[in-house]
Amino acid sequence: DRAAMQATTRDFLREAARAQVAVVY
C-alpha cells in the first residue's frame, strides 16, 4: 500500500547510496 511502498522505496534509496549498481523493477 501507499505507506509501505513509500517507506520501502525510501529505505532502498537510503541504502543504495553505497551501491555501485542500482536496479529498480
PDB file of all heavy atoms in Angstrom:
ATOM      1  N   ASP A   1       0.843  -1.185   0.000  1.00  0.00           N
ATOM      2  CA  ASP A   1       0.000   0.000   0.000  1.00  0.00           C
ATOM      3  C   ASP A   1       0.883   1.242   0.000  1.00  0.00           C
ATOM      4  O   ASP A   1       2.116   1.141  -0.055  1.00  0.00           O
ATOM      5  CB  ASP A   1      -0.987  -0.018   1.175  1.00  0.00           C
ATOM      6  CG  ASP A   1      -0.290   0.067   2.531  1.00  0.00           C
ATOM      7  OD1 ASP A   1       0.932   0.334   2.579  1.00  0.00           O
ATOM      8  OD2 ASP A   1      -0.971  -0.128   3.551  1.00  0.00           O
ATOM      9  N   ARG A   2       0.237   2.409   0.041  1.00  0.00           N
ATOM     10  CA  ARG A   2       0.995   3.653  -0.091  1.00  0.00           C
ATOM     11  C   ARG A   2       2.099   3.773   0.960  1.00  0.00           C
ATOM     12  O   ARG A   2       3.257   4.038   0.634  1.00  0.00           O
ATOM     13  CB  ARG A   2       0.039   4.846   0.018  1.00  0.00           C
ATOM     14  CG  ARG A   2       0.754   6.177   0.082  1.00  0.00           C
ATOM     15  CD  ARG A   2      -0.185   7.272   0.573  1.00  0.00           C
ATOM     16  NE  ARG A   2       0.522   8.511   0.783  1.00  0.00           N
ATOM     17  CZ  ARG A   2       0.021   9.558   1.418  1.00  0.00           C
ATOM     18  NH1 ARG A   2      -1.203   9.507   1.889  1.00  0.00           N
ATOM     19  NH2 ARG A   2       0.728  10.655   1.572  1.00  0.00           N
ATOM     20  N   ALA A   3       1.752   3.573   2.233  1.00  0.00           N
ATOM     21  CA  ALA A   3       2.733   3.760   3.292  1.00  0.00           C
ATOM     22  C   ALA A   3       3.902   2.793   3.147  1.00  0.00           C
ATOM     23  O   ALA A   3       5.069   3.165   3.283  1.00  0.00           O
ATOM     24  CB  ALA A   3       2.067   3.594   4.660  1.00  0.00           C
ATOM     25  N   ALA A   4       3.587   1.524   2.881  1.00  0.00           N
ATOM     26  CA  ALA A   4       4.647   0.525   2.760  1.00  0.00           C
ATOM     27  C   ALA A   4       5.503   0.763   1.529  1.00  0.00           C
ATOM     28  O   ALA A   4       6.725   0.597   1.561  1.00  0.00           O
ATOM     29  CB  ALA A   4       4.039  -0.877   2.719  1.00  0.00           C
ATOM     30  N   MET A   5       4.857   1.158   0.428  1.00  0.00           N
ATOM     31  CA  MET A   5       5.616   1.362  -0.811  1.00  0.00           C
ATOM     32  C   MET A   5       6.550   2.555  -0.687  1.00  0.00           C
ATOM     33  O   MET A   5       7.719   2.490  -1.091  1.00  0.00           O
ATOM     34  CB  MET A   5       4.658   1.548  -1.982  1.00  0.00           C
ATOM     35  CG  MET A   5       5.335   1.539  -3.344  1.00  0.00           C
ATOM     36  SD  MET A   5       4.099   1.429  -4.649  1.00  0.00           S
ATOM     37  CE  MET A   5       5.132   1.685  -6.091  1.00  0.00           C
ATOM     38  N   GLN A   6       6.058   3.643  -0.117  1.00  0.00           N
ATOM     39  CA  GLN A   6       6.911   4.814   0.055  1.00  0.00           C
ATOM     40  C   GLN A   6       8.034   4.530   1.044  1.00  0.00           C
ATOM     41  O   GLN A   6       9.183   4.924   0.828  1.00  0.00           O
ATOM     42  CB  GLN A   6       6.069   6.006   0.488  1.00  0.00           C
ATOM     43  CG  GLN A   6       5.137   6.513  -0.613  1.00  0.00           C
ATOM     44  CD  GLN A   6       4.341   7.725  -0.210  1.00  0.00           C
ATOM     45  OE1 GLN A   6       4.152   8.003   0.977  1.00  0.00           O
ATOM     46  NE2 GLN A   6       3.847   8.470  -1.185  1.00  0.00           N
ATOM     47  N   ALA A   7       7.728   3.828   2.137  1.00  0.00           N
ATOM     48  CA  ALA A   7       8.758   3.510   3.123  1.00  0.00           C
ATOM     49  C   ALA A   7       9.809   2.568   2.548  1.00  0.00           C
ATOM     50  O   ALA A   7      11.012   2.743   2.761  1.00  0.00           O
ATOM     51  CB  ALA A   7       8.114   2.890   4.366  1.00  0.00           C
ATOM     52  N   THR A   8       9.354   1.550   1.811  1.00  0.00           N
ATOM     53  CA  THR A   8      10.293   0.595   1.223  1.00  0.00           C
ATOM     54  C   THR A   8      11.189   1.278   0.196  1.00  0.00           C
ATOM     55  O   THR A   8      12.403   1.023   0.152  1.00  0.00           O
ATOM     56  CB  THR A   8       9.509  -0.556   0.556  1.00  0.00           C
ATOM     57  OG1 THR A   8       8.679  -1.187   1.531  1.00  0.00           O
ATOM     58  CG2 THR A   8      10.452  -1.579  -0.039  1.00  0.00           C
ATOM     59  N   THR A   9      10.599   2.141  -0.610  1.00  0.00           N
ATOM     60  CA  THR A   9      11.383   2.867  -1.607  1.00  0.00           C
ATOM     61  C   THR A   9      12.404   3.766  -0.940  1.00  0.00           C
ATOM     62  O   THR A   9      13.570   3.836  -1.347  1.00  0.00           O
ATOM     63  CB  THR A   9      10.455   3.692  -2.515  1.00  0.00           C
ATOM     64  OG1 THR A   9       9.522   2.816  -3.148  1.00  0.00           O
ATOM     65  CG2 THR A   9      11.256   4.432  -3.575  1.00  0.00           C
ATOM     66  N   ARG A  10      11.997   4.459   0.114  1.00  0.00           N
ATOM     67  CA  ARG A  10      12.919   5.360   0.803  1.00  0.00           C
ATOM     68  C   ARG A  10      14.052   4.585   1.462  1.00  0.00           C
ATOM     69  O   ARG A  10      15.213   5.010   1.426  1.00  0.00           O
ATOM     70  CB  ARG A  10      12.149   6.190   1.832  1.00  0.00           C
ATOM     71  CG  ARG A  10      11.145   7.159   1.220  1.00  0.00           C
ATOM     72  CD  ARG A  10      10.306   7.826   2.291  1.00  0.00           C
ATOM     73  NE  ARG A  10      11.119   8.739   3.082  1.00  0.00           N
ATOM     74  CZ  ARG A  10      11.429   9.985   2.700  1.00  0.00           C
ATOM     75  NH1 ARG A  10      10.979  10.451   1.554  1.00  0.00           N
ATOM     76  NH2 ARG A  10      12.169  10.753   3.458  1.00  0.00           N
ATOM     77  N   ASP A  11      13.734   3.446   2.088  1.00  0.00           N
ATOM     78  CA  ASP A  11      14.799   2.641   2.699  1.00  0.00           C
ATOM     79  C   ASP A  11      15.789   2.164   1.644  1.00  0.00           C
ATOM     80  O   ASP A  11      17.008   2.148   1.860  1.00  0.00           O
ATOM     81  CB  ASP A  11      14.198   1.438   3.435  1.00  0.00           C
ATOM     82  CG  ASP A  11      13.568   1.834   4.768  1.00  0.00           C
ATOM     83  OD1 ASP A  11      13.668   3.019   5.140  1.00  0.00           O
ATOM     84  OD2 ASP A  11      12.980   0.959   5.425  1.00  0.00           O
ATOM     85  N   PHE A  12      15.260   1.762   0.495  1.00  0.00           N
ATOM     86  CA  PHE A  12      16.140   1.321  -0.590  1.00  0.00           C
ATOM     87  C   PHE A  12      17.046   2.461  -1.055  1.00  0.00           C
ATOM     88  O   PHE A  12      18.258   2.284  -1.209  1.00  0.00           O
ATOM     89  CB  PHE A  12      15.306   0.811  -1.761  1.00  0.00           C
ATOM     90  CG  PHE A  12      16.102   0.584  -3.021  1.00  0.00           C
ATOM     91  CD1 PHE A  12      16.900  -0.528  -3.165  1.00  0.00           C
ATOM     92  CD2 PHE A  12      16.067   1.516  -4.058  1.00  0.00           C
ATOM     93  CE1 PHE A  12      17.653  -0.732  -4.317  1.00  0.00           C
ATOM     94  CE2 PHE A  12      16.807   1.329  -5.203  1.00  0.00           C
ATOM     95  CZ  PHE A  12      17.604   0.199  -5.339  1.00  0.00           C
ATOM     96  N   LEU A  13      16.473   3.626  -1.285  1.00  0.00           N
ATOM     97  CA  LEU A  13      17.276   4.759  -1.756  1.00  0.00           C
ATOM     98  C   LEU A  13      18.328   5.143  -0.720  1.00  0.00           C
ATOM     99  O   LEU A  13      19.439   5.532  -1.072  1.00  0.00           O
ATOM    100  CB  LEU A  13      16.375   5.958  -2.056  1.00  0.00           C
ATOM    101  CG  LEU A  13      15.434   5.808  -3.257  1.00  0.00           C
ATOM    102  CD1 LEU A  13      14.525   7.022  -3.373  1.00  0.00           C
ATOM    103  CD2 LEU A  13      16.230   5.620  -4.545  1.00  0.00           C
ATOM    104  N   ARG A  14      17.978   5.028   0.551  1.00  0.00           N
ATOM    105  CA  ARG A  14      18.948   5.344   1.601  1.00  0.00           C
ATOM    106  C   ARG A  14      20.136   4.396   1.535  1.00  0.00           C
ATOM    107  O   ARG A  14      21.289   4.808   1.593  1.00  0.00           O
ATOM    108  CB  ARG A  14      18.258   5.270   2.963  1.00  0.00           C
ATOM    109  CG  ARG A  14      19.126   5.728   4.118  1.00  0.00           C
ATOM    110  CD  ARG A  14      18.403   5.529   5.454  1.00  0.00           C
ATOM    111  NE  ARG A  14      17.315   6.490   5.609  1.00  0.00           N
ATOM    112  CZ  ARG A  14      16.026   6.187   5.574  1.00  0.00           C
ATOM    113  NH1 ARG A  14      15.651   4.930   5.337  1.00  0.00           N
ATOM    114  NH2 ARG A  14      15.107   7.106   5.757  1.00  0.00           N
ATOM    115  N   GLU A  15      19.857   3.111   1.403  1.00  0.00           N
ATOM    116  CA  GLU A  15      20.940   2.125   1.376  1.00  0.00           C
ATOM    117  C   GLU A  15      21.692   2.129   0.050  1.00  0.00           C
ATOM    118  O   GLU A  15      22.889   1.873   0.008  1.00  0.00           O
ATOM    119  CB  GLU A  15      20.364   0.728   1.640  1.00  0.00           C
ATOM    120  CG  GLU A  15      19.725   0.551   3.003  1.00  0.00           C
ATOM    121  CD  GLU A  15      20.715   0.737   4.141  1.00  0.00           C
ATOM    122  OE1 GLU A  15      21.919   0.493   3.930  1.00  0.00           O
ATOM    123  OE2 GLU A  15      20.289   1.146   5.229  1.00  0.00           O
ATOM    124  N   ALA A  16      20.990   2.430  -1.044  1.00  0.00           N
ATOM    125  CA  ALA A  16      21.620   2.369  -2.364  1.00  0.00           C
ATOM    126  C   ALA A  16      22.669   3.444  -2.571  1.00  0.00           C
ATOM    127  O   ALA A  16      23.410   3.399  -3.556  1.00  0.00           O
ATOM    128  CB  ALA A  16      20.550   2.485  -3.456  1.00  0.00           C
ATOM    129  N   ALA A  17      22.752   4.410  -1.655  1.00  0.00           N
ATOM    130  CA  ALA A  17      23.789   5.439  -1.770  1.00  0.00           C
ATOM    131  C   ALA A  17      25.179   4.820  -1.800  1.00  0.00           C
ATOM    132  O   ALA A  17      26.117   5.414  -2.338  1.00  0.00           O
ATOM    133  CB  ALA A  17      23.684   6.430  -0.609  1.00  0.00           C
ATOM    134  N   ARG A  18      25.325   3.631  -1.227  1.00  0.00           N
ATOM    135  CA  ARG A  18      26.641   2.979  -1.189  1.00  0.00           C
ATOM    136  C   ARG A  18      26.781   1.874  -2.221  1.00  0.00           C
ATOM    137  O   ARG A  18      27.762   1.128  -2.219  1.00  0.00           O
ATOM    138  CB  ARG A  18      26.892   2.431   0.220  1.00  0.00           C
ATOM    139  CG  ARG A  18      27.041   3.529   1.260  1.00  0.00           C
ATOM    140  CD  ARG A  18      27.299   2.987   2.651  1.00  0.00           C
ATOM    141  NE  ARG A  18      26.135   2.292   3.194  1.00  0.00           N
ATOM    142  CZ  ARG A  18      25.090   2.922   3.740  1.00  0.00           C
ATOM    143  NH1 ARG A  18      25.068   4.231   3.792  1.00  0.00           N
ATOM    144  NH2 ARG A  18      24.081   2.240   4.232  1.00  0.00           N
ATOM    145  N   ALA A  19      25.792   1.737  -3.095  1.00  0.00           N
ATOM    146  CA  ALA A  19      25.846   0.680  -4.112  1.00  0.00           C
ATOM    147  C   ALA A  19      26.544   1.176  -5.371  1.00  0.00           C
ATOM    148  O   ALA A  19      26.537   2.362  -5.692  1.00  0.00           O
ATOM    149  CB  ALA A  19      24.441   0.207  -4.449  1.00  0.00           C
ATOM    150  N   GLN A  20      27.139   0.270  -6.094  1.00  0.00           N
ATOM    151  CA  GLN A  20      27.794   0.590  -7.361  1.00  0.00           C
ATOM    152  C   GLN A  20      26.805   0.492  -8.515  1.00  0.00           C
ATOM    153  O   GLN A  20      26.865   1.260  -9.472  1.00  0.00           O
ATOM    154  CB  GLN A  20      28.970  -0.352  -7.601  1.00  0.00           C
ATOM    155  CG  GLN A  20      29.752  -0.055  -8.871  1.00  0.00           C
ATOM    156  CD  GLN A  20      30.903  -1.015  -9.065  1.00  0.00           C
ATOM    157  OE1 GLN A  20      30.949  -2.070  -8.443  1.00  0.00           O
ATOM    158  NE2 GLN A  20      31.835  -0.658  -9.919  1.00  0.00           N
ATOM    159  N   VAL A  21      25.898  -0.471  -8.443  1.00  0.00           N
ATOM    160  CA  VAL A  21      24.847  -0.643  -9.438  1.00  0.00           C
ATOM    161  C   VAL A  21      23.527  -0.739  -8.694  1.00  0.00           C
ATOM    162  O   VAL A  21      23.408  -1.489  -7.715  1.00  0.00           O
ATOM    163  CB  VAL A  21      25.053  -1.911 -10.288  1.00  0.00           C
ATOM    164  CG1 VAL A  21      23.912  -2.085 -11.291  1.00  0.00           C
ATOM    165  CG2 VAL A  21      26.387  -1.866 -11.020  1.00  0.00           C
ATOM    166  N   ALA A  22      22.540   0.038  -9.136  1.00  0.00           N
ATOM    167  CA  ALA A  22      21.212   0.001  -8.519  1.00  0.00           C
ATOM    168  C   ALA A  22      20.186  -0.322  -9.589  1.00  0.00           C
ATOM    169  O   ALA A  22      20.140   0.318 -10.637  1.00  0.00           O
ATOM    170  CB  ALA A  22      20.889   1.333  -7.855  1.00  0.00           C
ATOM    171  N   VAL A  23      19.371  -1.345  -9.326  1.00  0.00           N
ATOM    172  CA  VAL A  23      18.294  -1.749 -10.235  1.00  0.00           C
ATOM    173  C   VAL A  23      16.962  -1.554  -9.518  1.00  0.00           C
ATOM    174  O   VAL A  23      16.814  -1.942  -8.352  1.00  0.00           O
ATOM    175  CB  VAL A  23      18.444  -3.222 -10.673  1.00  0.00           C
ATOM    176  CG1 VAL A  23      17.221  -3.682 -11.460  1.00  0.00           C
ATOM    177  CG2 VAL A  23      19.709  -3.403 -11.516  1.00  0.00           C
ATOM    178  N   VAL A  24      16.008  -0.941 -10.204  1.00  0.00           N
ATOM    179  CA  VAL A  24      14.643  -0.814  -9.688  1.00  0.00           C
ATOM    180  C   VAL A  24      13.716  -1.500 -10.684  1.00  0.00           C
ATOM    181  O   VAL A  24      13.723  -1.168 -11.872  1.00  0.00           O
ATOM    182  CB  VAL A  24      14.231   0.655  -9.507  1.00  0.00           C
ATOM    183  CG1 VAL A  24      12.760   0.742  -9.082  1.00  0.00           C
ATOM    184  CG2 VAL A  24      15.119   1.340  -8.473  1.00  0.00           C
ATOM    185  N   TYR A  25      12.926  -2.466 -10.188  1.00  0.00           N
ATOM    186  CA  TYR A  25      11.945  -3.152 -11.031  1.00  0.00           C
ATOM    187  C   TYR A  25      10.578  -2.972 -10.399  1.00  0.00           C
ATOM    188  O   TYR A  25      10.392  -3.191  -9.187  1.00  0.00           O
ATOM    189  CB  TYR A  25      12.269  -4.647 -11.147  1.00  0.00           C
ATOM    190  CG  TYR A  25      11.156  -5.457 -11.783  1.00  0.00           C
ATOM    191  CD1 TYR A  25      11.093  -5.625 -13.162  1.00  0.00           C
ATOM    192  CD2 TYR A  25      10.153  -6.026 -10.989  1.00  0.00           C
ATOM    193  CE1 TYR A  25      10.054  -6.347 -13.740  1.00  0.00           C
ATOM    194  CE2 TYR A  25       9.116  -6.744 -11.560  1.00  0.00           C
ATOM    195  CZ  TYR A  25       9.070  -6.901 -12.942  1.00  0.00           C
ATOM    196  OH  TYR A  25       8.040  -7.605 -13.506  1.00  0.00           O
TER     197      TYR A  25
END
